C-alpha atoms as a PDB file:
ATOM      1  CA  MET A   1      -0.088  -0.114   0.029  1.00  0.00           C
ATOM      2  CA  SER A   2       1.229   3.316  -1.273  1.00  0.00           C
ATOM      3  CA  THR A   3       1.854   5.998   1.665  1.00  0.00           C
ATOM      4  CA  VAL A   4       1.748   8.577  -1.371  1.00  0.00           C
ATOM      5  CA  LYS A   5      -1.226  10.691  -1.421  1.00  0.00           C
ATOM      6  CA  SER A   6      -2.037  13.077  -4.137  1.00  0.00           C
ATOM      7  CA  ILE A   7      -2.406  16.603  -4.132  1.00  0.00           C
ATOM      8  CA  GLU A   8      -5.902  16.816  -3.981  1.00  0.00           C
ATOM      9  CA  GLU A   9      -6.170  13.962  -1.354  1.00  0.00           C
ATOM     10  CA  GLU A  10      -3.365  16.134   0.788  1.00  0.00           C
ATOM     11  CA  LYS A  11      -5.791  19.573   0.210  1.00  0.00           C
ATOM     12  CA  GLN A  12      -9.261  17.764   1.415  1.00  0.00           C
ATOM     13  CA  LEU A  13      -7.352  16.025   4.319  1.00  0.00           C
ATOM     14  CA  LEU A  14      -6.037  19.567   5.350  1.00  0.00           C
ATOM     15  CA  SER A  15      -9.246  21.096   5.133  1.00  0.00           C
ATOM     16  CA  GLU A  16     -11.319  18.646   7.106  1.00  0.00           C
ATOM     17  CA  ARG A  17      -8.738  18.915   9.627  1.00  0.00           C
ATOM     18  CA  LEU A  18      -8.733  22.797   9.657  1.00  0.00           C
ATOM     19  CA  ASN A  19     -12.326  22.638  10.253  1.00  0.00           C
ATOM     20  CA  ALA A  20     -12.198  20.542  13.093  1.00  0.00           C
ATOM     21  CA  LEU A  21      -9.991  22.811  14.872  1.00  0.00           C
ATOM     22  CA  SER A  22     -10.967  24.834  17.975  1.00  0.00           C
ATOM     23  CA  THR A  23     -10.166  28.830  18.183  1.00  0.00           C
ATOM     24  CA  LYS A  24      -7.261  28.137  20.509  1.00  0.00           C
ATOM     25  CA  ASP A  25      -6.052  25.282  17.961  1.00  0.00           C
ATOM     26  CA  LEU A  26      -6.088  27.752  15.164  1.00  0.00           C
ATOM     27  CA  HIS A  27      -3.997  30.449  16.641  1.00  0.00           C
ATOM     28  CA  ALA A  28      -1.478  27.845  17.306  1.00  0.00           C
ATOM     29  CA  PHE A  29      -1.506  26.674  13.881  1.00  0.00           C
ATOM     30  CA  ASP A  30      -1.150  30.403  12.478  1.00  0.00           C
ATOM     31  CA  LEU A  31       1.906  30.505  14.399  1.00  0.00           C
ATOM     32  CA  GLN A  32       3.533  27.550  12.984  1.00  0.00           C
ATOM     33  CA  LEU A  33       2.509  28.640   9.452  1.00  0.00           C
ATOM     34  CA  THR A  34       4.395  31.982  10.361  1.00  0.00           C
ATOM     35  CA  LEU A  35       7.232  30.361  11.343  1.00  0.00           C
ATOM     36  CA  LEU A  36       7.650  27.823   8.751  1.00  0.00           C
ATOM     37  CA  ARG A  37       6.984  31.234   5.876  1.00  0.00           C
ATOM     38  CA  THR A  38       9.543  33.091   7.851  1.00  0.00           C
ATOM     39  CA  ALA A  39      12.120  30.061   7.561  1.00  0.00           C
ATOM     40  CA  SER A  40      11.257  29.687   4.070  1.00  0.00           C
ATOM     41  CA  GLU A  41      12.310  32.998   3.309  1.00  0.00           C
ATOM     42  CA  SER A  42      15.519  32.854   5.540  1.00  0.00           C
ATOM     43  CA  TYR A  43      18.627  32.890   3.521  1.00  0.00           C
ATOM     44  CA  LYS A  44      19.411  30.295   5.771  1.00  0.00           C
ATOM     45  CA  ARG A  45      16.762  27.842   4.678  1.00  0.00           C
ATOM     46  CA  GLU A  46      19.178  25.178   4.078  1.00  0.00           C
ATOM     47  CA  THR A  47      20.160  25.203   7.678  1.00  0.00           C
ATOM     48  CA  VAL A  48      16.563  25.910   9.452  1.00  0.00           C
ATOM     49  CA  PHE A  49      14.666  22.935   7.268  1.00  0.00           C
ATOM     50  CA  LYS A  50      17.348  20.000   8.421  1.00  0.00           C
ATOM     51  CA  PRO A  51      15.699  17.688   7.684  1.00  0.00           C
ATOM     52  CA  CYS A  52      13.857  19.529   4.992  1.00  0.00           C
ATOM     53  CA  PRO A  53       9.997  18.691   5.170  1.00  0.00           C
ATOM     54  CA  PRO A  54       9.087  16.268   2.315  1.00  0.00           C
ATOM     55  CA  PHE A  55       6.543  18.575   0.852  1.00  0.00           C
ATOM     56  CA  LEU A  56       9.162  21.391   0.270  1.00  0.00           C
ATOM     57  CA  ALA A  57      11.648  19.453  -1.282  1.00  0.00           C
ATOM     58  CA  GLY A  58      12.504  20.561  -4.801  1.00  0.00           C
ATOM     59  CA  LEU A  59      10.388  23.740  -4.726  1.00  0.00           C
ATOM     60  CA  SER A  60      12.097  26.758  -6.061  1.00  0.00           C
ATOM     61  CA  ASP A  61      12.089  30.177  -4.281  1.00  0.00           C
ATOM     62  CA  ASP A  62       8.803  31.423  -6.410  1.00  0.00           C
ATOM     63  CA  GLU A  63       7.047  28.306  -5.652  1.00  0.00           C
ATOM     64  CA  LEU A  64       7.614  28.799  -1.654  1.00  0.00           C
END
């Protein structure tokens, strides 16, 4: 059985999980996204993302 999911399946799963979060959880999720975005824009991205999350591997600066 393959653990690789299509992008559409990933989007659907993320949407379902976000809809199930409480307000407190949403604030924590927003903070995590902010930290991820900031790290991805850093010139030290290679160091910050060790190990690199699989969904970011191979993306160009524009795609990030």
